[in-house]
């Protein structure tokens, strides 16, 4: 197994700051916008983005955490059952601009499941997708991100792993491309 860093902590910080600036350009002061991180890995990124936006805009930005386990199209088809996470959304998305946040966009199936799960909380005016890593050429569904940290050409046999500081003995934020 070969591992290669595709974003070290410094480049990751720059990338996240750029994504925040793009969000501010398109959503202004976030009066009608909310963030929703996909459980479990998208939540780490969403919390970082929320903190940066709140610091820059000097206001509270609503953040929800969405579990998609029971909306997945492969639920019940695996040998090992999925372990659901907790959905924590304390607001309605009705009429809001929603920014879904996930760490890696691969086949698009998780995003489809997230859109299904999100309708429990209302009908948003608009839904956008922010992803840290976009694995190009691997879509099963016609889904594209509006905000992309880095596009990566990868093979199906490769994996992209995002490591966040404080998560399972991780000392530094990094993104890896792994060849099996």
Protein backbone atom coordinates (compact mmCIF):
# COMPACT_ATOMS: atom_id res chain seq x y z
CA UNK A 1 0.00 0.00 0.00
CA UNK A 2 1.40 3.38 -1.03
CA UNK A 3 0.32 6.64 0.62
CA UNK A 4 0.91 10.09 -0.82
CA UNK A 5 -0.05 13.39 0.81
CA UNK A 6 -2.12 15.46 -1.61
CA UNK A 7 -2.90 18.27 0.87
CA UNK A 8 -0.66 18.93 3.87
CA UNK A 9 -1.91 20.99 6.81
CA UNK A 10 -0.70 24.30 5.36
CA UNK A 11 -2.31 23.76 1.94
CA UNK A 12 -5.43 22.43 3.62
CA UNK A 13 -5.71 25.62 5.67
CA UNK A 14 -5.33 27.77 2.54
CA UNK A 15 -7.91 25.65 0.70
CA UNK A 16 -10.48 25.92 3.49
CA UNK A 17 -9.94 29.70 3.73
CA UNK A 18 -10.56 29.98 -0.04
CA UNK A 19 -13.76 27.93 0.26
CA UNK A 20 -14.95 30.26 3.04
CA UNK A 21 -14.29 33.32 0.88
CA UNK A 22 -16.27 31.78 -1.96
CA UNK A 23 -19.18 31.11 0.42
CA UNK A 24 -19.12 34.72 1.64
CA UNK A 25 -19.06 35.99 -1.96
CA UNK A 26 -22.17 33.95 -2.79
CA UNK A 27 -24.09 34.04 0.50
CA UNK A 28 -23.17 37.45 1.90
CA UNK A 29 -23.94 37.61 5.60
CA UNK A 30 -25.69 34.19 5.63
CA UNK A 31 -29.05 35.73 6.59
CA UNK A 32 -30.92 33.05 4.63
CA UNK A 33 -28.21 30.37 4.46
CA UNK A 34 -27.40 27.34 6.61
CA UNK A 35 -24.64 24.74 6.69
CA UNK A 36 -25.30 20.99 6.95
CA UNK A 37 -22.40 18.58 7.41
CA UNK A 38 -22.83 14.94 6.44
CA UNK A 39 -22.14 12.49 9.27
CA UNK A 40 -19.55 11.48 10.13
CA UNK A 41 -16.66 12.92 8.10
CA UNK A 42 -18.33 15.95 6.55
CA UNK A 43 -19.12 17.28 10.02
CA UNK A 44 -15.44 17.89 10.83
CA UNK A 45 -15.08 20.07 7.75
CA UNK A 46 -18.42 21.80 8.38
CA UNK A 47 -17.40 22.72 11.94
CA UNK A 48 -14.12 24.22 10.72
CA UNK A 49 -15.92 26.21 8.02
CA UNK A 50 -18.59 27.38 10.47
CA UNK A 51 -15.94 28.63 12.92
CA UNK A 52 -14.08 30.52 10.20
CA UNK A 53 -17.26 32.07 8.80
CA UNK A 54 -18.45 33.13 12.25
CA UNK A 55 -15.08 34.74 12.94
CA UNK A 56 -15.05 36.60 9.62
CA UNK A 57 -18.71 37.66 9.67
CA UNK A 58 -18.92 38.20 13.44
CA UNK A 59 -22.25 36.37 13.67
CA UNK A 60 -23.61 32.93 14.41
CA UNK A 61 -24.02 30.64 11.38
CA UNK A 62 -26.53 27.76 11.74
CA UNK A 63 -24.92 24.32 11.41
CA UNK A 64 -26.69 20.99 11.25
CA UNK A 65 -25.33 17.45 11.27
CA UNK A 66 -27.13 15.02 8.98
CA UNK A 67 -27.00 11.22 9.14
CA UNK A 68 -27.83 9.52 5.83
CA UNK A 69 -27.56 5.88 6.92
CA UNK A 70 -31.19 4.90 6.39
CA UNK A 71 -31.44 6.82 3.10
CA UNK A 72 -28.52 5.04 1.41
CA UNK A 73 -29.33 2.86 -1.59
CA UNK A 74 -26.98 0.15 -0.31
CA UNK A 75 -28.51 0.02 3.18
CA UNK A 76 -29.11 -3.63 4.04
CA UNK A 77 -26.96 -4.93 1.19
CA UNK A 78 -23.70 -5.18 3.10
CA UNK A 79 -22.36 -8.04 5.17
CA UNK A 80 -21.62 -5.65 8.03
CA UNK A 81 -24.45 -3.33 9.06
CA UNK A 82 -23.95 0.43 8.91
CA UNK A 83 -23.56 2.20 12.22
CA UNK A 84 -25.83 5.26 12.19
CA UNK A 85 -24.69 8.60 13.55
CA UNK A 86 -26.90 11.20 15.15
CA UNK A 87 -28.76 13.81 13.12
CA UNK A 88 -28.66 17.18 14.86
CA UNK A 89 -30.55 19.88 12.97
CA UNK A 90 -32.23 22.44 15.20
CA UNK A 91 -33.70 24.54 12.37
CA UNK A 92 -36.02 24.14 9.41
CA UNK A 93 -34.49 24.31 5.95
CA UNK A 94 -37.77 25.55 4.48
CA UNK A 95 -37.01 28.47 2.14
CA UNK A 96 -33.30 28.52 3.07
CA UNK A 97 -30.18 28.23 0.98
CA UNK A 98 -28.56 25.03 2.20
CA UNK A 99 -24.87 24.26 1.78
CA UNK A 100 -24.30 20.51 2.14
CA UNK A 101 -20.74 19.78 3.24
CA UNK A 102 -18.83 16.52 2.82
CA UNK A 103 -15.14 15.69 2.76
CA UNK A 104 -14.93 13.60 -0.44
CA UNK A 105 -17.27 13.49 -3.45
CA UNK A 106 -16.92 10.08 -5.07
CA UNK A 107 -19.92 8.36 -6.69
CA UNK A 108 -22.53 10.95 -5.68
CA UNK A 109 -24.67 8.39 -3.85
CA UNK A 110 -24.09 9.91 -0.41
CA UNK A 111 -25.21 13.31 -1.67
CA UNK A 112 -28.37 11.81 -3.18
CA UNK A 113 -29.10 10.16 0.18
CA UNK A 114 -28.42 13.47 1.97
CA UNK A 115 -30.90 15.30 -0.22
CA UNK A 116 -33.53 12.67 0.56
CA UNK A 117 -32.79 12.85 4.31
CA UNK A 118 -32.79 16.66 4.32
CA UNK A 119 -36.40 16.87 3.10
CA UNK A 120 -37.48 15.79 6.60
CA UNK A 121 -36.56 19.32 7.69
CA UNK A 122 -38.43 21.20 4.97
CA UNK A 123 -38.06 22.21 1.37
CA UNK A 124 -35.04 24.43 0.82
CA UNK A 125 -35.04 27.28 -1.66
CA UNK A 126 -31.66 26.16 -2.97
CA UNK A 127 -29.15 23.37 -2.27
CA UNK A 128 -25.44 23.68 -2.95
CA UNK A 129 -22.62 21.22 -2.34
CA UNK A 130 -19.22 21.97 -0.86
CA UNK A 131 -16.62 19.21 -0.93
CA UNK A 132 -13.00 19.27 0.08
CA UNK A 133 -11.97 16.64 -2.49
CA UNK A 134 -13.75 15.95 -5.77
CA UNK A 135 -12.74 12.58 -7.22
CA UNK A 136 -13.38 13.32 -10.87
CA UNK A 137 -14.61 10.70 -13.34
CA UNK A 138 -16.10 8.41 -10.68
CA UNK A 139 -19.76 9.47 -10.59
CA UNK A 140 -22.59 6.98 -10.64
CA UNK A 141 -25.07 9.87 -10.47
CA UNK A 142 -25.03 13.29 -12.19
CA UNK A 143 -24.00 15.29 -9.11
CA UNK A 144 -21.48 18.14 -9.08
CA UNK A 145 -20.10 20.26 -6.30
CA UNK A 146 -20.53 24.04 -6.32
CA UNK A 147 -17.48 24.56 -4.10
CA UNK A 148 -14.43 22.33 -4.52
CA UNK A 149 -11.24 22.36 -2.49
CA UNK A 150 -9.24 20.13 -4.83
CA UNK A 151 -10.10 17.97 -7.82
CA UNK A 152 -8.25 14.67 -7.94
CA UNK A 153 -7.99 12.28 -10.85
CA UNK A 154 -8.08 8.89 -9.20
CA UNK A 155 -8.72 5.29 -10.09
CA UNK A 156 -11.48 3.21 -8.53
CA UNK A 157 -8.82 1.12 -6.74
CA UNK A 158 -7.46 4.21 -4.95
CA UNK A 159 -8.82 5.79 -1.79
CA UNK A 160 -8.80 9.37 -0.59
CA UNK A 161 -8.50 9.68 3.19
CA UNK A 162 -9.02 12.97 5.01
CA UNK A 163 -7.45 13.08 8.48
CA UNK A 164 -8.54 15.69 11.00
CA UNK A 165 -6.52 16.68 14.05
CA UNK A 166 -7.94 15.17 17.23
CA UNK A 167 -9.46 12.22 15.37
CA UNK A 168 -8.03 8.78 16.24
CA UNK A 169 -4.47 9.81 17.17
CA UNK A 170 -4.15 12.22 14.23
CA UNK A 171 -1.71 15.01 15.02
CA UNK A 172 -2.10 17.10 11.88
CA UNK A 173 -4.79 17.75 9.25
CA UNK A 174 -3.86 15.99 6.00
CA UNK A 175 -5.40 14.47 2.89
CA UNK A 176 -3.92 11.25 1.53
CA UNK A 177 -4.22 9.40 -1.76
CA UNK A 178 -3.78 5.68 -1.10
CA UNK A 179 -2.99 3.02 -3.71
CA UNK A 180 -4.11 -0.45 -2.68
